[in-house]
Amino acid sequence: MGDMTVWLAPVLLLLFLPGSFDIRGPKVMRGPERGSLTVRCRYGQGWKTHRKWWCRGVDWASCKILVITTGSEQEVKRDRVSIRDDQRNLTFTVTMEELRRDDEDTYWCGIERTGTDPGFQVKVTIDPAPTTVSAMSTAPVTPEETRVSPTVTSHHSESRSLLSSVHFLLLLFLEVPLLLTMLSAVLWVNRPQRSSWGTQSQLGHENQ
C-alpha cells in the first residue's frame, strides 16, 4: 500500500497542476524588437466553447490577463495584443505587435472555467533591434585635388608679377619724362646771365 501511495503522488500532483493535460503550447517564443510574434496554443475537445485568454506574469495565480476571447471565433484585440479562437482546429492564436524590450517576460495560455483555470507557461524573449550607426565617410584626397591649391597660387603670383610690370612701365613712360621736363625748366631758370653793364663795356672796348 505504501508503494502505491508513492507512485500515485506524482500522478495526483500532475492532475492538480494548471494545464496538465488540458492545454499545450510552445515553451519559448522569440520576437524581434518593433516586430511581432504569434503564439499558438492547443486545447482539448471539451474546451471548444470556453473562453481563452493570454496573461502575463511569473506567478500563475496573479498573472495579469491581457486579452480574452468571447467564447466564439471572433478576434479580440486590446492595445498591441490580439487573440483568436479556431474551434475547428482546437487552437487559439495570440499575436503581440510592435514588440518592446520590456515585453520580455513569462506569459500563460489559459482557458476560463469554474474552479482553477488550466494554463500553459510560455517564456517570451525579445531580440533587440540592430542599431544603425551613421558614420561620416571622408573621401580620400586624390593627387589632382592636391595639386589644385599650388596651381591657384601660381596663377595669383603670375597676376601680381604682371601688374608690377605694368606699373613699372607706366612710371617709366609717364613720370620720367615729367621729371626730365621739370629738370630742364630748373636749369633754364638758373642759367648764367650777362649784366647790361658788362655788355655795354664790351661794346665800348670794341669801338676803341
N, C-alpha and C. Protein backbone atom coordinates (compact mmCIF):
# COMPACT_ATOMS: atom_id res chain seq x y z
N MET A 1 0.83 -1.20 0.00
CA MET A 1 0.00 0.00 0.00
C MET A 1 0.87 1.25 0.00
N GLY A 2 1.99 1.18 0.75
CA GLY A 2 2.89 2.32 0.81
C GLY A 2 3.51 2.59 -0.54
N ASP A 3 3.88 1.51 -1.26
CA ASP A 3 4.47 1.70 -2.59
C ASP A 3 3.47 2.34 -3.54
N MET A 4 2.22 1.96 -3.47
CA MET A 4 1.20 2.52 -4.36
C MET A 4 0.98 4.01 -4.07
N THR A 5 1.06 4.38 -2.79
CA THR A 5 0.90 5.79 -2.44
C THR A 5 2.02 6.63 -3.02
N VAL A 6 3.24 6.11 -2.93
CA VAL A 6 4.39 6.82 -3.50
C VAL A 6 4.23 6.96 -5.00
N TRP A 7 3.70 5.98 -5.67
CA TRP A 7 3.54 6.01 -7.14
C TRP A 7 2.42 6.95 -7.56
N LEU A 8 1.33 7.00 -6.75
CA LEU A 8 0.19 7.83 -7.10
C LEU A 8 0.42 9.31 -6.82
N ALA A 9 1.33 9.63 -5.92
CA ALA A 9 1.54 11.03 -5.53
C ALA A 9 1.92 11.92 -6.71
N PRO A 10 2.91 11.56 -7.55
CA PRO A 10 3.23 12.41 -8.71
C PRO A 10 2.08 12.53 -9.69
N VAL A 11 1.30 11.44 -9.84
CA VAL A 11 0.18 11.49 -10.77
C VAL A 11 -0.87 12.48 -10.29
N LEU A 12 -1.20 12.42 -9.00
CA LEU A 12 -2.18 13.35 -8.45
C LEU A 12 -1.68 14.79 -8.54
N LEU A 13 -0.38 14.97 -8.34
CA LEU A 13 0.19 16.31 -8.43
C LEU A 13 0.04 16.87 -9.83
N LEU A 14 0.27 16.03 -10.83
CA LEU A 14 0.11 16.47 -12.21
C LEU A 14 -1.34 16.83 -12.52
N LEU A 15 -2.26 16.09 -11.93
CA LEU A 15 -3.67 16.36 -12.18
C LEU A 15 -4.09 17.72 -11.64
N PHE A 16 -3.46 18.14 -10.55
CA PHE A 16 -3.84 19.42 -9.94
C PHE A 16 -3.03 20.60 -10.49
N LEU A 17 -1.98 20.32 -11.22
CA LEU A 17 -1.21 21.41 -11.82
C LEU A 17 -2.00 22.04 -12.95
N PRO A 18 -1.97 23.38 -13.10
CA PRO A 18 -2.70 24.04 -14.18
C PRO A 18 -2.18 23.59 -15.53
N GLY A 19 -3.09 23.18 -16.39
CA GLY A 19 -2.73 22.85 -17.76
C GLY A 19 -2.03 21.52 -17.93
N SER A 20 -2.22 20.58 -17.00
CA SER A 20 -1.52 19.31 -17.11
C SER A 20 -1.83 18.59 -18.40
N PHE A 21 -3.12 18.45 -18.72
CA PHE A 21 -3.50 17.75 -19.94
C PHE A 21 -4.50 18.54 -20.77
N ASP A 22 -4.87 19.74 -20.32
CA ASP A 22 -5.94 20.48 -20.97
C ASP A 22 -5.45 21.38 -22.10
N ILE A 23 -4.27 21.90 -22.01
CA ILE A 23 -3.79 22.89 -22.97
C ILE A 23 -2.28 22.74 -23.16
N ARG A 24 -1.86 22.98 -24.39
CA ARG A 24 -0.44 22.87 -24.73
C ARG A 24 -0.03 24.06 -25.59
N GLY A 25 1.25 24.37 -25.56
CA GLY A 25 1.77 25.46 -26.38
C GLY A 25 3.29 25.43 -26.40
N PRO A 26 3.91 26.39 -27.05
CA PRO A 26 5.37 26.44 -27.07
C PRO A 26 5.91 26.91 -25.72
N LYS A 27 7.01 26.32 -25.30
CA LYS A 27 7.59 26.72 -24.03
C LYS A 27 8.35 28.04 -24.13
N VAL A 28 8.93 28.29 -25.30
CA VAL A 28 9.73 29.51 -25.51
C VAL A 28 9.36 30.12 -26.84
N MET A 29 9.21 31.43 -26.86
CA MET A 29 8.97 32.17 -28.11
C MET A 29 9.91 33.37 -28.16
N ARG A 30 10.39 33.66 -29.38
CA ARG A 30 11.28 34.81 -29.59
C ARG A 30 10.66 35.73 -30.62
N GLY A 31 10.85 37.02 -30.41
CA GLY A 31 10.36 38.01 -31.36
C GLY A 31 11.31 39.18 -31.45
N PRO A 32 11.35 39.86 -32.60
CA PRO A 32 12.25 41.00 -32.76
C PRO A 32 11.65 42.28 -32.21
N GLU A 33 12.48 43.10 -31.64
CA GLU A 33 12.02 44.41 -31.17
C GLU A 33 11.42 45.20 -32.33
N ARG A 34 10.29 45.84 -32.06
CA ARG A 34 9.49 46.59 -33.04
C ARG A 34 8.83 45.68 -34.08
N GLY A 35 8.94 44.37 -33.88
CA GLY A 35 8.28 43.41 -34.76
C GLY A 35 7.07 42.79 -34.08
N SER A 36 6.77 41.54 -34.42
CA SER A 36 5.62 40.85 -33.83
C SER A 36 5.95 39.37 -33.64
N LEU A 37 5.16 38.72 -32.82
CA LEU A 37 5.29 37.27 -32.66
C LEU A 37 3.89 36.68 -32.47
N THR A 38 3.76 35.42 -32.87
CA THR A 38 2.48 34.72 -32.80
C THR A 38 2.65 33.43 -32.01
N VAL A 39 1.77 33.23 -31.03
CA VAL A 39 1.80 32.04 -30.18
C VAL A 39 0.52 31.25 -30.44
N ARG A 40 0.67 29.94 -30.70
CA ARG A 40 -0.48 29.06 -30.93
C ARG A 40 -0.56 28.03 -29.80
N CYS A 41 -1.70 28.01 -29.16
CA CYS A 41 -1.92 27.06 -28.07
C CYS A 41 -3.07 26.12 -28.43
N ARG A 42 -2.85 24.82 -28.17
CA ARG A 42 -3.86 23.81 -28.48
C ARG A 42 -4.57 23.37 -27.18
N TYR A 43 -5.85 23.02 -27.34
CA TYR A 43 -6.63 22.60 -26.18
C TYR A 43 -7.45 21.36 -26.53
N GLY A 44 -8.01 20.75 -25.51
CA GLY A 44 -8.78 19.53 -25.71
C GLY A 44 -10.18 19.81 -26.25
N GLN A 45 -10.82 18.74 -26.73
CA GLN A 45 -12.14 18.85 -27.35
C GLN A 45 -13.18 19.45 -26.41
N GLY A 46 -13.05 19.20 -25.14
CA GLY A 46 -14.06 19.66 -24.18
C GLY A 46 -14.02 21.16 -23.91
N TRP A 47 -13.03 21.86 -24.42
CA TRP A 47 -12.90 23.30 -24.14
C TRP A 47 -13.24 24.18 -25.34
N LYS A 48 -13.95 23.63 -26.28
CA LYS A 48 -14.21 24.35 -27.53
C LYS A 48 -14.89 25.70 -27.31
N THR A 49 -15.95 25.74 -26.55
CA THR A 49 -16.73 26.97 -26.39
C THR A 49 -16.33 27.78 -25.16
N HIS A 50 -15.32 27.35 -24.47
CA HIS A 50 -14.86 28.11 -23.30
C HIS A 50 -14.01 29.31 -23.76
N ARG A 51 -14.00 30.31 -22.92
CA ARG A 51 -13.21 31.49 -23.26
C ARG A 51 -11.72 31.21 -23.01
N LYS A 52 -10.90 31.69 -23.93
CA LYS A 52 -9.46 31.52 -23.82
C LYS A 52 -8.81 32.88 -23.55
N TRP A 53 -7.70 32.87 -22.84
CA TRP A 53 -7.06 34.15 -22.52
C TRP A 53 -5.54 34.05 -22.58
N TRP A 54 -4.93 35.21 -22.52
CA TRP A 54 -3.47 35.33 -22.54
C TRP A 54 -3.10 36.29 -21.40
N CYS A 55 -2.30 35.79 -20.46
CA CYS A 55 -1.95 36.62 -19.32
C CYS A 55 -0.44 36.71 -19.14
N ARG A 56 -0.03 37.71 -18.36
CA ARG A 56 1.40 37.98 -18.18
C ARG A 56 1.76 37.96 -16.70
N GLY A 57 2.88 37.31 -16.40
CA GLY A 57 3.37 37.26 -15.03
C GLY A 57 3.90 35.88 -14.68
N VAL A 58 4.96 35.85 -13.87
CA VAL A 58 5.57 34.57 -13.50
C VAL A 58 4.62 33.76 -12.62
N ASP A 59 3.94 34.43 -11.72
CA ASP A 59 3.04 33.74 -10.79
C ASP A 59 1.71 33.44 -11.49
N TRP A 60 1.40 32.17 -11.60
CA TRP A 60 0.18 31.75 -12.28
C TRP A 60 -1.07 32.32 -11.61
N ALA A 61 -1.08 32.38 -10.32
CA ALA A 61 -2.29 32.80 -9.59
C ALA A 61 -2.56 34.29 -9.72
N SER A 62 -1.52 35.07 -9.99
CA SER A 62 -1.72 36.53 -10.02
C SER A 62 -1.31 37.17 -11.34
N CYS A 63 -1.20 36.38 -12.39
CA CYS A 63 -0.80 36.97 -13.68
C CYS A 63 -1.93 37.86 -14.21
N LYS A 64 -1.53 38.88 -14.97
CA LYS A 64 -2.49 39.86 -15.47
C LYS A 64 -3.00 39.43 -16.84
N ILE A 65 -4.33 39.27 -16.97
CA ILE A 65 -4.92 38.89 -18.26
C ILE A 65 -4.88 40.10 -19.20
N LEU A 66 -4.23 39.91 -20.35
CA LEU A 66 -4.10 40.99 -21.33
C LEU A 66 -5.24 41.00 -22.33
N VAL A 67 -5.71 39.81 -22.72
CA VAL A 67 -6.77 39.72 -23.71
C VAL A 67 -7.49 38.39 -23.52
N ILE A 68 -8.82 38.36 -23.81
CA ILE A 68 -9.63 37.15 -23.62
C ILE A 68 -10.69 37.07 -24.71
N THR A 69 -10.98 35.84 -25.16
CA THR A 69 -11.98 35.66 -26.22
C THR A 69 -13.39 35.78 -25.64
N THR A 70 -14.36 35.78 -26.56
CA THR A 70 -15.77 35.89 -26.14
C THR A 70 -16.46 34.54 -26.07
N GLY A 71 -15.73 33.46 -26.35
CA GLY A 71 -16.34 32.14 -26.42
C GLY A 71 -16.66 31.74 -27.85
N SER A 72 -16.43 32.64 -28.79
CA SER A 72 -16.66 32.36 -30.21
C SER A 72 -15.31 32.45 -30.94
N GLU A 73 -15.38 32.42 -32.27
CA GLU A 73 -14.15 32.51 -33.06
C GLU A 73 -13.81 33.95 -33.45
N GLN A 74 -14.57 34.90 -32.94
CA GLN A 74 -14.31 36.30 -33.27
C GLN A 74 -13.00 36.77 -32.64
N GLU A 75 -12.22 37.50 -33.43
CA GLU A 75 -10.95 38.03 -32.94
C GLU A 75 -11.20 39.18 -31.96
N VAL A 76 -10.43 39.19 -30.90
CA VAL A 76 -10.49 40.25 -29.91
C VAL A 76 -9.11 40.89 -29.81
N LYS A 77 -9.08 42.22 -29.86
CA LYS A 77 -7.80 42.93 -29.80
C LYS A 77 -7.84 43.97 -28.69
N ARG A 78 -6.74 44.05 -27.96
CA ARG A 78 -6.62 45.05 -26.90
C ARG A 78 -5.19 45.58 -26.91
N ASP A 79 -5.08 46.88 -27.14
CA ASP A 79 -3.77 47.52 -27.26
C ASP A 79 -2.95 46.84 -28.37
N ARG A 80 -1.82 46.25 -28.00
CA ARG A 80 -0.95 45.64 -29.02
C ARG A 80 -1.08 44.12 -29.08
N VAL A 81 -2.10 43.57 -28.39
CA VAL A 81 -2.26 42.12 -28.30
C VAL A 81 -3.63 41.72 -28.83
N SER A 82 -3.65 40.67 -29.66
CA SER A 82 -4.93 40.16 -30.18
C SER A 82 -4.98 38.65 -29.97
N ILE A 83 -6.22 38.11 -29.90
CA ILE A 83 -6.42 36.68 -29.70
C ILE A 83 -7.57 36.22 -30.58
N ARG A 84 -7.42 35.03 -31.13
CA ARG A 84 -8.48 34.47 -31.98
C ARG A 84 -8.55 32.96 -31.76
N ASP A 85 -9.79 32.45 -31.62
CA ASP A 85 -10.00 31.03 -31.33
C ASP A 85 -10.44 30.30 -32.60
N ASP A 86 -9.68 29.29 -32.99
CA ASP A 86 -10.05 28.44 -34.13
C ASP A 86 -10.61 27.14 -33.55
N GLN A 87 -11.92 27.12 -33.36
CA GLN A 87 -12.54 25.99 -32.67
C GLN A 87 -12.55 24.72 -33.51
N ARG A 88 -12.48 24.85 -34.81
CA ARG A 88 -12.44 23.66 -35.66
C ARG A 88 -11.14 22.90 -35.45
N ASN A 89 -10.03 23.64 -35.33
CA ASN A 89 -8.72 23.00 -35.15
C ASN A 89 -8.28 22.96 -33.69
N LEU A 90 -9.20 23.36 -32.78
CA LEU A 90 -8.91 23.33 -31.34
C LEU A 90 -7.61 24.08 -31.02
N THR A 91 -7.51 25.27 -31.60
CA THR A 91 -6.30 26.09 -31.43
C THR A 91 -6.70 27.55 -31.28
N PHE A 92 -6.08 28.25 -30.36
CA PHE A 92 -6.25 29.70 -30.33
C PHE A 92 -4.88 30.37 -30.49
N THR A 93 -4.92 31.51 -31.17
CA THR A 93 -3.69 32.20 -31.57
C THR A 93 -3.62 33.56 -30.91
N VAL A 94 -2.47 33.85 -30.34
CA VAL A 94 -2.20 35.15 -29.72
C VAL A 94 -1.11 35.85 -30.53
N THR A 95 -1.36 37.10 -30.88
CA THR A 95 -0.38 37.90 -31.63
C THR A 95 -0.03 39.15 -30.84
N MET A 96 1.27 39.34 -30.66
CA MET A 96 1.78 40.55 -29.99
C MET A 96 2.50 41.39 -31.05
N GLU A 97 2.11 42.65 -31.16
CA GLU A 97 2.66 43.53 -32.19
C GLU A 97 3.49 44.65 -31.57
N GLU A 98 4.30 45.27 -32.43
CA GLU A 98 5.15 46.40 -32.01
C GLU A 98 5.89 46.06 -30.72
N LEU A 99 6.59 44.95 -30.76
CA LEU A 99 7.27 44.44 -29.57
C LEU A 99 8.28 45.44 -29.02
N ARG A 100 8.34 45.49 -27.69
CA ARG A 100 9.31 46.33 -27.00
C ARG A 100 10.20 45.44 -26.13
N ARG A 101 11.33 46.01 -25.72
CA ARG A 101 12.24 45.22 -24.90
C ARG A 101 11.60 44.80 -23.58
N ASP A 102 10.75 45.67 -23.04
CA ASP A 102 10.13 45.34 -21.76
C ASP A 102 8.96 44.37 -21.89
N ASP A 103 8.68 43.90 -23.12
CA ASP A 103 7.67 42.85 -23.30
C ASP A 103 8.23 41.47 -22.94
N GLU A 104 9.53 41.40 -22.78
CA GLU A 104 10.16 40.12 -22.43
C GLU A 104 9.73 39.71 -21.02
N ASP A 105 9.05 38.55 -20.94
CA ASP A 105 8.51 38.14 -19.63
C ASP A 105 7.96 36.71 -19.74
N THR A 106 7.31 36.28 -18.68
CA THR A 106 6.62 34.99 -18.65
C THR A 106 5.14 35.22 -18.91
N TYR A 107 4.57 34.44 -19.83
CA TYR A 107 3.15 34.56 -20.20
C TYR A 107 2.49 33.19 -20.04
N TRP A 108 1.16 33.20 -20.13
CA TRP A 108 0.38 31.96 -19.99
C TRP A 108 -0.74 31.93 -21.02
N CYS A 109 -0.88 30.76 -21.68
CA CYS A 109 -2.11 30.45 -22.43
C CYS A 109 -3.08 29.83 -21.42
N GLY A 110 -4.31 30.32 -21.37
CA GLY A 110 -5.23 29.80 -20.38
C GLY A 110 -6.65 29.63 -20.90
N ILE A 111 -7.42 28.82 -20.18
CA ILE A 111 -8.83 28.58 -20.51
C ILE A 111 -9.67 28.88 -19.28
N GLU A 112 -10.73 29.66 -19.48
CA GLU A 112 -11.59 30.02 -18.37
C GLU A 112 -12.57 28.89 -18.07
N ARG A 113 -12.64 28.54 -16.81
CA ARG A 113 -13.60 27.51 -16.38
C ARG A 113 -13.91 27.73 -14.91
N THR A 114 -14.90 27.01 -14.42
CA THR A 114 -15.23 27.09 -13.00
C THR A 114 -14.15 26.37 -12.21
N GLY A 115 -13.64 27.03 -11.19
CA GLY A 115 -12.54 26.44 -10.44
C GLY A 115 -11.21 27.00 -10.94
N THR A 116 -10.21 26.16 -10.93
CA THR A 116 -8.87 26.58 -11.37
C THR A 116 -8.76 26.49 -12.88
N ASP A 117 -8.39 27.59 -13.49
CA ASP A 117 -8.24 27.60 -14.95
C ASP A 117 -7.00 26.81 -15.36
N PRO A 118 -7.12 26.00 -16.41
CA PRO A 118 -5.93 25.34 -16.93
C PRO A 118 -5.09 26.35 -17.73
N GLY A 119 -3.78 26.20 -17.69
CA GLY A 119 -2.91 27.11 -18.43
C GLY A 119 -1.59 26.47 -18.78
N PHE A 120 -0.87 27.13 -19.68
CA PHE A 120 0.43 26.63 -20.11
C PHE A 120 1.40 27.81 -20.15
N GLN A 121 2.56 27.63 -19.55
CA GLN A 121 3.54 28.72 -19.44
C GLN A 121 4.36 28.87 -20.72
N VAL A 122 4.52 30.13 -21.13
CA VAL A 122 5.31 30.46 -22.33
C VAL A 122 6.30 31.56 -21.97
N LYS A 123 7.57 31.30 -22.21
CA LYS A 123 8.61 32.32 -21.98
C LYS A 123 8.81 33.11 -23.28
N VAL A 124 8.67 34.41 -23.19
CA VAL A 124 8.83 35.28 -24.36
C VAL A 124 10.13 36.07 -24.24
N THR A 125 10.95 35.97 -25.28
CA THR A 125 12.23 36.70 -25.34
C THR A 125 12.18 37.68 -26.50
N ILE A 126 12.64 38.90 -26.26
CA ILE A 126 12.66 39.93 -27.29
C ILE A 126 14.11 40.18 -27.72
N ASP A 127 14.36 40.00 -29.00
CA ASP A 127 15.69 40.27 -29.55
C ASP A 127 15.80 41.76 -29.88
N PRO A 128 16.86 42.43 -29.40
CA PRO A 128 16.99 43.87 -29.66
C PRO A 128 17.16 44.16 -31.14
N ALA A 129 16.59 45.27 -31.57
CA ALA A 129 16.71 45.67 -32.97
C ALA A 129 18.14 46.10 -33.25
N PRO A 130 18.64 45.81 -34.46
CA PRO A 130 20.00 46.24 -34.80
C PRO A 130 20.11 47.75 -34.81
N THR A 131 21.19 48.24 -34.23
CA THR A 131 21.41 49.69 -34.20
C THR A 131 22.17 50.11 -35.44
N THR A 132 21.68 51.15 -36.11
CA THR A 132 22.33 51.66 -37.31
C THR A 132 23.18 52.85 -36.93
N VAL A 133 24.50 52.71 -37.14
CA VAL A 133 25.43 53.79 -36.83
C VAL A 133 25.75 54.53 -38.11
N SER A 134 25.40 55.81 -38.13
CA SER A 134 25.67 56.62 -39.32
C SER A 134 27.06 57.22 -39.20
N ALA A 135 28.00 56.62 -39.92
CA ALA A 135 29.38 57.11 -39.89
C ALA A 135 29.61 58.06 -41.04
N MET A 136 30.27 59.15 -40.74
CA MET A 136 30.58 60.13 -41.78
C MET A 136 31.77 59.62 -42.58
N SER A 137 31.56 59.46 -43.87
CA SER A 137 32.62 58.96 -44.74
C SER A 137 33.43 60.12 -45.28
N THR A 138 34.74 60.01 -45.15
CA THR A 138 35.64 61.05 -45.65
C THR A 138 36.28 60.55 -46.94
N ALA A 139 36.03 61.27 -48.01
CA ALA A 139 36.56 60.86 -49.31
C ALA A 139 38.06 61.09 -49.34
N PRO A 140 38.83 60.12 -49.86
CA PRO A 140 40.28 60.31 -49.95
C PRO A 140 40.64 61.43 -50.92
N VAL A 141 41.70 62.13 -50.60
CA VAL A 141 42.14 63.24 -51.45
C VAL A 141 42.98 62.68 -52.58
N THR A 142 42.58 62.97 -53.79
CA THR A 142 43.29 62.47 -54.97
C THR A 142 44.44 63.40 -55.30
N PRO A 143 45.43 62.91 -56.07
CA PRO A 143 46.55 63.77 -56.45
C PRO A 143 46.12 65.02 -57.20
N GLU A 144 45.03 64.89 -58.05
CA GLU A 144 44.57 66.08 -58.78
C GLU A 144 44.09 67.14 -57.82
N GLU A 145 43.35 66.70 -56.74
CA GLU A 145 42.86 67.66 -55.77
C GLU A 145 44.01 68.32 -55.02
N THR A 146 45.08 67.54 -54.78
CA THR A 146 46.22 68.09 -54.05
C THR A 146 46.93 69.17 -54.85
N ARG A 147 46.92 69.04 -56.16
CA ARG A 147 47.63 70.00 -57.00
C ARG A 147 46.83 71.26 -57.28
N VAL A 148 45.57 71.28 -56.87
CA VAL A 148 44.73 72.44 -57.19
C VAL A 148 45.23 73.69 -56.50
N SER A 149 45.56 73.59 -55.21
CA SER A 149 45.97 74.77 -54.45
C SER A 149 47.24 75.41 -54.98
N PRO A 150 48.33 74.62 -55.25
CA PRO A 150 49.52 75.25 -55.82
C PRO A 150 49.26 75.91 -57.15
N THR A 151 48.38 75.33 -57.98
CA THR A 151 48.09 75.91 -59.29
C THR A 151 47.43 77.27 -59.14
N VAL A 152 46.48 77.36 -58.23
CA VAL A 152 45.81 78.64 -58.00
C VAL A 152 46.79 79.67 -57.48
N THR A 153 47.68 79.24 -56.59
CA THR A 153 48.70 80.15 -56.05
C THR A 153 49.61 80.66 -57.15
N SER A 154 49.98 79.75 -58.07
CA SER A 154 50.85 80.14 -59.18
C SER A 154 50.18 81.18 -60.05
N HIS A 155 48.87 81.01 -60.32
CA HIS A 155 48.14 81.99 -61.13
C HIS A 155 48.12 83.35 -60.45
N HIS A 156 47.93 83.33 -59.14
CA HIS A 156 47.92 84.60 -58.41
C HIS A 156 49.29 85.27 -58.48
N SER A 157 50.35 84.46 -58.37
CA SER A 157 51.70 85.03 -58.43
C SER A 157 51.97 85.66 -59.78
N GLU A 158 51.55 84.95 -60.86
CA GLU A 158 51.76 85.50 -62.20
C GLU A 158 50.98 86.79 -62.39
N SER A 159 49.76 86.86 -61.83
CA SER A 159 48.96 88.07 -61.96
C SER A 159 49.63 89.24 -61.26
N ARG A 160 50.14 88.97 -60.05
CA ARG A 160 50.82 90.04 -59.32
C ARG A 160 52.07 90.49 -60.05
N SER A 161 52.82 89.56 -60.65
CA SER A 161 54.02 89.93 -61.39
C SER A 161 53.68 90.78 -62.60
N LEU A 162 52.59 90.42 -63.29
CA LEU A 162 52.18 91.19 -64.47
C LEU A 162 51.76 92.60 -64.09
N LEU A 163 51.03 92.72 -62.97
CA LEU A 163 50.62 94.05 -62.52
C LEU A 163 51.83 94.91 -62.15
N SER A 164 52.82 94.29 -61.54
CA SER A 164 54.04 95.03 -61.18
C SER A 164 54.75 95.54 -62.42
N SER A 165 54.81 94.70 -63.46
CA SER A 165 55.47 95.11 -64.71
C SER A 165 54.74 96.27 -65.36
N VAL A 166 53.41 96.21 -65.38
CA VAL A 166 52.62 97.29 -65.98
C VAL A 166 52.83 98.59 -65.21
N HIS A 167 52.84 98.48 -63.89
CA HIS A 167 53.06 99.68 -63.08
C HIS A 167 54.43 100.30 -63.33
N PHE A 168 55.43 99.46 -63.48
CA PHE A 168 56.79 99.96 -63.74
C PHE A 168 56.85 100.67 -65.09
N LEU A 169 56.19 100.09 -66.10
CA LEU A 169 56.20 100.72 -67.42
C LEU A 169 55.48 102.06 -67.39
N LEU A 170 54.37 102.13 -66.64
CA LEU A 170 53.67 103.41 -66.53
C LEU A 170 54.56 104.47 -65.89
N LEU A 171 55.29 104.07 -64.86
CA LEU A 171 56.21 105.01 -64.23
C LEU A 171 57.29 105.46 -65.20
N LEU A 172 57.76 104.51 -65.99
CA LEU A 172 58.86 104.81 -66.91
C LEU A 172 58.42 105.79 -67.99
N PHE A 173 57.24 105.59 -68.56
CA PHE A 173 56.80 106.40 -69.70
C PHE A 173 56.07 107.68 -69.29
N LEU A 174 55.62 107.77 -68.08
CA LEU A 174 54.88 108.96 -67.66
C LEU A 174 55.68 109.83 -66.70
N GLU A 175 56.24 109.23 -65.69
CA GLU A 175 56.89 110.01 -64.66
C GLU A 175 58.29 110.47 -65.06
N VAL A 176 59.04 109.63 -65.77
CA VAL A 176 60.42 110.01 -66.15
C VAL A 176 60.43 111.22 -67.08
N PRO A 177 59.60 111.27 -68.16
CA PRO A 177 59.59 112.49 -68.98
C PRO A 177 59.18 113.72 -68.19
N LEU A 178 58.26 113.55 -67.26
CA LEU A 178 57.85 114.68 -66.45
C LEU A 178 59.01 115.21 -65.61
N LEU A 179 59.77 114.28 -65.04
CA LEU A 179 60.93 114.68 -64.26
C LEU A 179 61.98 115.39 -65.12
N LEU A 180 62.19 114.87 -66.33
CA LEU A 180 63.16 115.50 -67.23
C LEU A 180 62.72 116.91 -67.60
N THR A 181 61.42 117.07 -67.84
CA THR A 181 60.90 118.41 -68.18
C THR A 181 61.11 119.38 -67.04
N MET A 182 60.81 118.92 -65.82
CA MET A 182 61.00 119.79 -64.67
C MET A 182 62.47 120.14 -64.47
N LEU A 183 63.35 119.15 -64.70
CA LEU A 183 64.80 119.41 -64.57
C LEU A 183 65.27 120.42 -65.59
N SER A 184 64.77 120.30 -66.81
CA SER A 184 65.16 121.25 -67.86
C SER A 184 64.69 122.66 -67.51
N ALA A 185 63.50 122.78 -66.96
CA ALA A 185 62.98 124.09 -66.59
C ALA A 185 63.83 124.72 -65.51
N VAL A 186 64.24 123.89 -64.55
CA VAL A 186 65.08 124.42 -63.46
C VAL A 186 66.42 124.89 -64.01
N LEU A 187 67.01 124.12 -64.91
CA LEU A 187 68.30 124.51 -65.50
C LEU A 187 68.17 125.78 -66.32
N TRP A 188 67.06 125.91 -67.01
CA TRP A 188 66.85 127.10 -67.84
C TRP A 188 66.72 128.35 -66.98
N VAL A 189 66.02 128.22 -65.88
CA VAL A 189 65.86 129.37 -64.99
C VAL A 189 67.19 129.76 -64.35
N ASN A 190 68.00 128.79 -64.01
CA ASN A 190 69.26 129.04 -63.31
C ASN A 190 70.46 129.21 -64.24
N ARG A 191 70.25 129.40 -65.52
CA ARG A 191 71.39 129.56 -66.44
C ARG A 191 72.12 130.88 -66.14
N PRO A 192 73.43 131.03 -66.37
CA PRO A 192 74.18 132.28 -66.13
C PRO A 192 73.76 133.37 -67.10
N GLN A 193 73.49 134.59 -66.60
CA GLN A 193 73.07 135.72 -67.43
C GLN A 193 74.12 136.85 -67.37
N ARG A 194 74.34 137.53 -68.48
CA ARG A 194 75.25 138.68 -68.54
C ARG A 194 74.50 139.95 -68.18
N SER A 195 75.17 140.81 -67.36
CA SER A 195 74.55 142.07 -66.97
C SER A 195 74.64 143.08 -68.10
N SER A 196 73.78 144.06 -68.08
CA SER A 196 73.77 145.09 -69.13
C SER A 196 75.04 145.94 -69.09
N TRP A 197 75.59 146.13 -67.89
CA TRP A 197 76.83 146.91 -67.77
C TRP A 197 77.96 146.21 -68.44
N GLY A 198 78.03 144.93 -68.28
CA GLY A 198 79.09 144.14 -68.93
C GLY A 198 78.96 144.18 -70.42
N THR A 199 77.78 144.23 -70.91
CA THR A 199 77.56 144.25 -72.36
C THR A 199 77.99 145.59 -72.94
N GLN A 200 77.62 146.67 -72.23
CA GLN A 200 78.00 147.99 -72.73
C GLN A 200 79.51 148.17 -72.68
N SER A 201 80.15 147.66 -71.61
CA SER A 201 81.61 147.77 -71.50
C SER A 201 82.29 147.04 -72.61
N GLN A 202 81.76 145.91 -72.96
CA GLN A 202 82.34 145.12 -74.05
C GLN A 202 82.19 145.84 -75.36
N LEU A 203 81.05 146.52 -75.56
CA LEU A 203 80.84 147.26 -76.80
C LEU A 203 81.79 148.45 -76.88
N GLY A 204 82.09 149.12 -75.72
CA GLY A 204 82.99 150.24 -75.71
C GLY A 204 84.39 149.84 -76.08
N HIS A 205 84.83 148.73 -75.60
CA HIS A 205 86.14 148.23 -75.94
C HIS A 205 86.21 147.91 -77.41
N GLU A 206 85.18 147.38 -77.96
CA GLU A 206 85.21 147.03 -79.38
C GLU A 206 85.27 148.29 -80.23
N ASN A 207 84.64 149.40 -79.80
CA ASN A 207 84.63 150.63 -80.61
C ASN A 207 86.00 151.31 -80.59
N GLN A 208 86.74 151.19 -79.53
CA GLN A 208 88.05 151.77 -79.48
C GLN A 208 88.97 151.00 -80.39
